[in-house]
Amino acid sequence: MFTHKSFMNKVEERQQRALARLQQQLQVGTKPEKINGKTTGNQVPLTSTDKARIEKEITILSKNNQIL
């Protein structure tokens, strides 16, 4: 595993940005619409499956930030 300090800082920063983005998405309750695999500028409501997945990801990222 990499232990170089700048690498770990980049990993931690990326995880923190992902965590903030997921928390915001859950709070707003929408996600970008995808048509034929391409993201559009439209926002669509989160499904219950989306919310469960996001909450799980937030839990994992929160635990990782505590470890780092």
PDB file of N, CA and C in Angstrom:
ATOM      1  N   MET A   1       0.840  -1.187   0.000  1.00  0.00           N
ATOM      2  CA  MET A   1       0.000   0.000   0.000  1.00  0.00           C
ATOM      3  C   MET A   1       0.879   1.242   0.000  1.00  0.00           C
ATOM      4  N   PHE A   2       0.419   2.277  -0.671  1.00  0.00           N
ATOM      5  CA  PHE A   2       1.155   3.524  -0.734  1.00  0.00           C
ATOM      6  C   PHE A   2       1.080   4.238   0.612  1.00  0.00           C
ATOM      7  N   THR A   3       2.216   4.749   1.040  1.00  0.00           N
ATOM      8  CA  THR A   3       2.228   5.505   2.291  1.00  0.00           C
ATOM      9  C   THR A   3       2.785   6.910   2.086  1.00  0.00           C
ATOM     10  N   HIS A   4       3.056   7.256   0.848  1.00  0.00           N
ATOM     11  CA  HIS A   4       3.581   8.581   0.569  1.00  0.00           C
ATOM     12  C   HIS A   4       2.554   9.612   1.003  1.00  0.00           C
ATOM     13  N   LYS A   5       3.000  10.607   1.739  1.00  0.00           N
ATOM     14  CA  LYS A   5       2.104  11.579   2.361  1.00  0.00           C
ATOM     15  C   LYS A   5       1.243  12.337   1.349  1.00  0.00           C
ATOM     16  N   SER A   6       1.825  12.779   0.243  1.00  0.00           N
ATOM     17  CA  SER A   6       1.033  13.541  -0.727  1.00  0.00           C
ATOM     18  C   SER A   6      -0.019  12.660  -1.382  1.00  0.00           C
ATOM     19  N   PHE A   7       0.298  11.379  -1.597  1.00  0.00           N
ATOM     20  CA  PHE A   7      -0.685  10.450  -2.156  1.00  0.00           C
ATOM     21  C   PHE A   7      -1.847  10.282  -1.197  1.00  0.00           C
ATOM     22  N   MET A   8      -1.560  10.114   0.080  1.00  0.00           N
ATOM     23  CA  MET A   8      -2.614   9.930   1.080  1.00  0.00           C
ATOM     24  C   MET A   8      -3.460  11.193   1.206  1.00  0.00           C
ATOM     25  N   ASN A   9      -2.838  12.354   1.096  1.00  0.00           N
ATOM     26  CA  ASN A   9      -3.599  13.600   1.143  1.00  0.00           C
ATOM     27  C   ASN A   9      -4.576  13.676  -0.019  1.00  0.00           C
ATOM     28  N   LYS A  10      -4.146  13.248  -1.206  1.00  0.00           N
ATOM     29  CA  LYS A  10      -5.020  13.277  -2.381  1.00  0.00           C
ATOM     30  C   LYS A  10      -6.176  12.306  -2.211  1.00  0.00           C
ATOM     31  N   VAL A  11      -5.898  11.138  -1.670  1.00  0.00           N
ATOM     32  CA  VAL A  11      -6.948  10.142  -1.431  1.00  0.00           C
ATOM     33  C   VAL A  11      -7.956  10.687  -0.425  1.00  0.00           C
ATOM     34  N   GLU A  12      -7.456  11.246   0.657  1.00  0.00           N
ATOM     35  CA  GLU A  12      -8.331  11.785   1.692  1.00  0.00           C
ATOM     36  C   GLU A  12      -9.176  12.944   1.137  1.00  0.00           C
ATOM     37  N   GLU A  13      -8.562  13.826   0.365  1.00  0.00           N
ATOM     38  CA  GLU A  13      -9.297  14.944  -0.220  1.00  0.00           C
ATOM     39  C   GLU A  13     -10.389  14.455  -1.163  1.00  0.00           C
ATOM     40  N   ARG A  14     -10.073  13.461  -1.984  1.00  0.00           N
ATOM     41  CA  ARG A  14     -11.056  12.928  -2.918  1.00  0.00           C
ATOM     42  C   ARG A  14     -12.223  12.300  -2.167  1.00  0.00           C
ATOM     43  N   GLN A  15     -11.932  11.571  -1.087  1.00  0.00           N
ATOM     44  CA  GLN A  15     -12.984  10.962  -0.293  1.00  0.00           C
ATOM     45  C   GLN A  15     -13.846  12.020   0.391  1.00  0.00           C
ATOM     46  N   GLN A  16     -13.233  13.082   0.868  1.00  0.00           N
ATOM     47  CA  GLN A  16     -13.999  14.153   1.513  1.00  0.00           C
ATOM     48  C   GLN A  16     -14.907  14.854   0.508  1.00  0.00           C
ATOM     49  N   ARG A  17     -14.407  15.076  -0.722  1.00  0.00           N
ATOM     50  CA  ARG A  17     -15.242  15.704  -1.759  1.00  0.00           C
ATOM     51  C   ARG A  17     -16.408  14.796  -2.130  1.00  0.00           C
ATOM     52  N   ALA A  18     -16.136  13.497  -2.239  1.00  0.00           N
ATOM     53  CA  ALA A  18     -17.195  12.539  -2.571  1.00  0.00           C
ATOM     54  C   ALA A  18     -18.240  12.512  -1.461  1.00  0.00           C
ATOM     55  N   LEU A  19     -17.792  12.529  -0.212  1.00  0.00           N
ATOM     56  CA  LEU A  19     -18.700  12.527   0.926  1.00  0.00           C
ATOM     57  C   LEU A  19     -19.589  13.766   0.908  1.00  0.00           C
ATOM     58  N   ALA A  20     -19.007  14.923   0.691  1.00  0.00           N
ATOM     59  CA  ALA A  20     -19.780  16.170   0.646  1.00  0.00           C
ATOM     60  C   ALA A  20     -20.791  16.148  -0.502  1.00  0.00           C
ATOM     61  N   ARG A  21     -20.367  15.638  -1.667  1.00  0.00           N
ATOM     62  CA  ARG A  21     -21.246  15.572  -2.828  1.00  0.00           C
ATOM     63  C   ARG A  21     -22.424  14.634  -2.566  1.00  0.00           C
ATOM     64  N   LEU A  22     -22.167  13.487  -1.945  1.00  0.00           N
ATOM     65  CA  LEU A  22     -23.243  12.538  -1.640  1.00  0.00           C
ATOM     66  C   LEU A  22     -24.212  13.101  -0.602  1.00  0.00           C
ATOM     67  N   GLN A  23     -23.675  13.768   0.420  1.00  0.00           N
ATOM     68  CA  GLN A  23     -24.538  14.360   1.443  1.00  0.00           C
ATOM     69  C   GLN A  23     -25.430  15.427   0.829  1.00  0.00           C
ATOM     70  N   GLN A  24     -24.875  16.221  -0.059  1.00  0.00           N
ATOM     71  CA  GLN A  24     -25.657  17.266  -0.717  1.00  0.00           C
ATOM     72  C   GLN A  24     -26.736  16.639  -1.605  1.00  0.00           C
ATOM     73  N   GLN A  25     -26.367  15.611  -2.345  1.00  0.00           N
ATOM     74  CA  GLN A  25     -27.320  14.945  -3.230  1.00  0.00           C
ATOM     75  C   GLN A  25     -28.469  14.355  -2.418  1.00  0.00           C
ATOM     76  N   LEU A  26     -28.164  13.761  -1.284  1.00  0.00           N
ATOM     77  CA  LEU A  26     -29.202  13.183  -0.435  1.00  0.00           C
ATOM     78  C   LEU A  26     -30.109  14.281   0.131  1.00  0.00           C
ATOM     79  N   GLN A  27     -29.524  15.396   0.515  1.00  0.00           N
ATOM     80  CA  GLN A  27     -30.301  16.507   1.066  1.00  0.00           C
ATOM     81  C   GLN A  27     -31.225  17.123   0.011  1.00  0.00           C
ATOM     82  N   VAL A  28     -30.704  17.323  -1.196  1.00  0.00           N
ATOM     83  CA  VAL A  28     -31.495  17.922  -2.275  1.00  0.00           C
ATOM     84  C   VAL A  28     -32.548  16.948  -2.768  1.00  0.00           C
ATOM     85  N   GLY A  29     -32.204  15.662  -2.817  1.00  0.00           N
ATOM     86  CA  GLY A  29     -33.161  14.637  -3.224  1.00  0.00           C
ATOM     87  C   GLY A  29     -33.280  14.418  -4.711  1.00  0.00           C
ATOM     88  N   THR A  30     -32.278  14.886  -5.462  1.00  0.00           N
ATOM     89  CA  THR A  30     -32.299  14.672  -6.914  1.00  0.00           C
ATOM     90  C   THR A  30     -30.937  14.167  -7.381  1.00  0.00           C
ATOM     91  N   LYS A  31     -30.947  13.661  -8.619  1.00  0.00           N
ATOM     92  CA  LYS A  31     -29.710  13.213  -9.258  1.00  0.00           C
ATOM     93  C   LYS A  31     -29.779  13.599 -10.725  1.00  0.00           C
ATOM     94  N   PRO A  32     -28.621  13.669 -11.389  1.00  0.00           N
ATOM     95  CA  PRO A  32     -28.635  13.977 -12.823  1.00  0.00           C
ATOM     96  C   PRO A  32     -29.313  12.849 -13.609  1.00  0.00           C
ATOM     97  N   GLU A  33     -30.094  13.242 -14.576  1.00  0.00           N
ATOM     98  CA  GLU A  33     -30.776  12.263 -15.424  1.00  0.00           C
ATOM     99  C   GLU A  33     -29.784  11.704 -16.450  1.00  0.00           C
ATOM    100  N   LYS A  34     -29.896  10.398 -16.709  1.00  0.00           N
ATOM    101  CA  LYS A  34     -29.071   9.767 -17.735  1.00  0.00           C
ATOM    102  C   LYS A  34     -29.977   9.184 -18.809  1.00  0.00           C
ATOM    103  N   ILE A  35     -29.636   9.474 -20.053  1.00  0.00           N
ATOM    104  CA  ILE A  35     -30.358   8.914 -21.192  1.00  0.00           C
ATOM    105  C   ILE A  35     -29.330   8.252 -22.097  1.00  0.00           C
ATOM    106  N   ASN A  36     -29.531   6.973 -22.350  1.00  0.00           N
ATOM    107  CA  ASN A  36     -28.591   6.199 -23.175  1.00  0.00           C
ATOM    108  C   ASN A  36     -27.158   6.307 -22.671  1.00  0.00           C
ATOM    109  N   GLY A  37     -27.000   6.284 -21.341  1.00  0.00           N
ATOM    110  CA  GLY A  37     -25.678   6.322 -20.734  1.00  0.00           C
ATOM    111  C   GLY A  37     -25.025   7.689 -20.682  1.00  0.00           C
ATOM    112  N   LYS A  38     -25.734   8.731 -21.105  1.00  0.00           N
ATOM    113  CA  LYS A  38     -25.172  10.081 -21.094  1.00  0.00           C
ATOM    114  C   LYS A  38     -25.949  10.952 -20.114  1.00  0.00           C
ATOM    115  N   THR A  39     -25.205  11.703 -19.319  1.00  0.00           N
ATOM    116  CA  THR A  39     -25.808  12.589 -18.345  1.00  0.00           C
ATOM    117  C   THR A  39     -26.377  13.823 -19.037  1.00  0.00           C
ATOM    118  N   THR A  40     -27.605  14.181 -18.654  1.00  0.00           N
ATOM    119  CA  THR A  40     -28.234  15.388 -19.190  1.00  0.00           C
ATOM    120  C   THR A  40     -28.185  16.478 -18.130  1.00  0.00           C
ATOM    121  N   GLY A  41     -28.643  17.648 -18.466  1.00  0.00           N
ATOM    122  CA  GLY A  41     -28.688  18.750 -17.513  1.00  0.00           C
ATOM    123  C   GLY A  41     -29.901  18.692 -16.595  1.00  0.00           C
ATOM    124  N   ASN A  42     -30.786  17.729 -16.830  1.00  0.00           N
ATOM    125  CA  ASN A  42     -32.005  17.610 -16.026  1.00  0.00           C
ATOM    126  C   ASN A  42     -31.740  16.866 -14.726  1.00  0.00           C
ATOM    127  N   GLN A  43     -32.511  17.208 -13.717  1.00  0.00           N
ATOM    128  CA  GLN A  43     -32.431  16.527 -12.426  1.00  0.00           C
ATOM    129  C   GLN A  43     -33.701  15.694 -12.242  1.00  0.00           C
ATOM    130  N   VAL A  44     -33.538  14.472 -11.727  1.00  0.00           N
ATOM    131  CA  VAL A  44     -34.683  13.600 -11.460  1.00  0.00           C
ATOM    132  C   VAL A  44     -34.657  13.212  -9.979  1.00  0.00           C
ATOM    133  N   PRO A  45     -35.816  12.924  -9.391  1.00  0.00           N
ATOM    134  CA  PRO A  45     -35.860  12.558  -7.975  1.00  0.00           C
ATOM    135  C   PRO A  45     -35.105  11.262  -7.697  1.00  0.00           C
ATOM    136  N   LEU A  46     -34.529  11.182  -6.497  1.00  0.00           N
ATOM    137  CA  LEU A  46     -33.868   9.957  -6.065  1.00  0.00           C
ATOM    138  C   LEU A  46     -34.919   8.897  -5.761  1.00  0.00           C
ATOM    139  N   THR A  47     -34.625   7.659  -6.124  1.00  0.00           N
ATOM    140  CA  THR A  47     -35.505   6.550  -5.762  1.00  0.00           C
ATOM    141  C   THR A  47     -35.121   6.063  -4.368  1.00  0.00           C
ATOM    142  N   SER A  48     -35.935   5.210  -3.788  1.00  0.00           N
ATOM    143  CA  SER A  48     -35.600   4.668  -2.470  1.00  0.00           C
ATOM    144  C   SER A  48     -34.313   3.840  -2.552  1.00  0.00           C
ATOM    145  N   THR A  49     -34.077   3.190  -3.687  1.00  0.00           N
ATOM    146  CA  THR A  49     -32.837   2.431  -3.880  1.00  0.00           C
ATOM    147  C   THR A  49     -31.634   3.368  -3.931  1.00  0.00           C
ATOM    148  N   ASP A  50     -31.788   4.500  -4.621  1.00  0.00           N
ATOM    149  CA  ASP A  50     -30.714   5.502  -4.672  1.00  0.00           C
ATOM    150  C   ASP A  50     -30.377   5.995  -3.275  1.00  0.00           C
ATOM    151  N   LYS A  51     -31.415   6.309  -2.497  1.00  0.00           N
ATOM    152  CA  LYS A  51     -31.204   6.824  -1.139  1.00  0.00           C
ATOM    153  C   LYS A  51     -30.481   5.808  -0.271  1.00  0.00           C
ATOM    154  N   ALA A  52     -30.855   4.535  -0.370  1.00  0.00           N
ATOM    155  CA  ALA A  52     -30.213   3.482   0.419  1.00  0.00           C
ATOM    156  C   ALA A  52     -28.740   3.338   0.018  1.00  0.00           C
ATOM    157  N   ARG A  53     -28.464   3.385  -1.291  1.00  0.00           N
ATOM    158  CA  ARG A  53     -27.085   3.271  -1.782  1.00  0.00           C
ATOM    159  C   ARG A  53     -26.249   4.446  -1.302  1.00  0.00           C
ATOM    160  N   ILE A  54     -26.799   5.650  -1.391  1.00  0.00           N
ATOM    161  CA  ILE A  54     -26.067   6.850  -0.968  1.00  0.00           C
ATOM    162  C   ILE A  54     -25.786   6.808   0.526  1.00  0.00           C
ATOM    163  N   GLU A  55     -26.767   6.411   1.313  1.00  0.00           N
ATOM    164  CA  GLU A  55     -26.557   6.320   2.761  1.00  0.00           C
ATOM    165  C   GLU A  55     -25.462   5.307   3.093  1.00  0.00           C
ATOM    166  N   LYS A  56     -25.435   4.192   2.369  1.00  0.00           N
ATOM    167  CA  LYS A  56     -24.401   3.181   2.591  1.00  0.00           C
ATOM    168  C   LYS A  56     -23.022   3.742   2.236  1.00  0.00           C
ATOM    169  N   GLU A  57     -22.936   4.443   1.102  1.00  0.00           N
ATOM    170  CA  GLU A  57     -21.671   5.047   0.686  1.00  0.00           C
ATOM    171  C   GLU A  57     -21.205   6.104   1.690  1.00  0.00           C
ATOM    172  N   ILE A  58     -22.138   6.896   2.212  1.00  0.00           N
ATOM    173  CA  ILE A  58     -21.792   7.917   3.204  1.00  0.00           C
ATOM    174  C   ILE A  58     -21.219   7.251   4.457  1.00  0.00           C
ATOM    175  N   THR A  59     -21.834   6.156   4.889  1.00  0.00           N
ATOM    176  CA  THR A  59     -21.343   5.433   6.062  1.00  0.00           C
ATOM    177  C   THR A  59     -19.917   4.935   5.832  1.00  0.00           C
ATOM    178  N   ILE A  60     -19.676   4.350   4.663  1.00  0.00           N
ATOM    179  CA  ILE A  60     -18.343   3.822   4.350  1.00  0.00           C
ATOM    180  C   ILE A  60     -17.312   4.950   4.294  1.00  0.00           C
ATOM    181  N   LEU A  61     -17.636   6.030   3.608  1.00  0.00           N
ATOM    182  CA  LEU A  61     -16.693   7.146   3.491  1.00  0.00           C
ATOM    183  C   LEU A  61     -16.451   7.806   4.842  1.00  0.00           C
ATOM    184  N   SER A  62     -17.460   7.898   5.684  1.00  0.00           N
ATOM    185  CA  SER A  62     -17.298   8.487   7.011  1.00  0.00           C
ATOM    186  C   SER A  62     -16.350   7.638   7.851  1.00  0.00           C
ATOM    187  N   LYS A  63     -16.480   6.321   7.772  1.00  0.00           N
ATOM    188  CA  LYS A  63     -15.583   5.432   8.510  1.00  0.00           C
ATOM    189  C   LYS A  63     -14.159   5.565   7.983  1.00  0.00           C
ATOM    190  N   ASN A  64     -13.992   5.653   6.649  1.00  0.00           N
ATOM    191  CA  ASN A  64     -12.661   5.806   6.072  1.00  0.00           C
ATOM    192  C   ASN A  64     -12.007   7.097   6.504  1.00  0.00           C
ATOM    193  N   ASN A  65     -12.780   8.178   6.602  1.00  0.00           N
ATOM    194  CA  ASN A  65     -12.214   9.465   7.033  1.00  0.00           C
ATOM    195  C   ASN A  65     -11.781   9.424   8.487  1.00  0.00           C
ATOM    196  N   GLN A  66     -12.429   8.617   9.305  1.00  0.00           N
ATOM    197  CA  GLN A  66     -12.027   8.484  10.695  1.00  0.00           C
ATOM    198  C   GLN A  66     -10.705   7.737  10.804  1.00  0.00           C
ATOM    199  N   ILE A  67     -10.486   6.791   9.888  1.00  0.00           N
ATOM    200  CA  ILE A  67      -9.259   5.997   9.909  1.00  0.00           C
ATOM    201  C   ILE A  67      -8.075   6.812   9.420  1.00  0.00           C
ATOM    202  N   LEU A  68      -8.292   7.632   8.369  1.00  0.00           N
ATOM    203  CA  LEU A  68      -7.193   8.396   7.775  1.00  0.00           C
ATOM    204  C   LEU A  68      -6.741   9.509   8.638  1.00  0.00           C
TER     205      LEU A  68
END
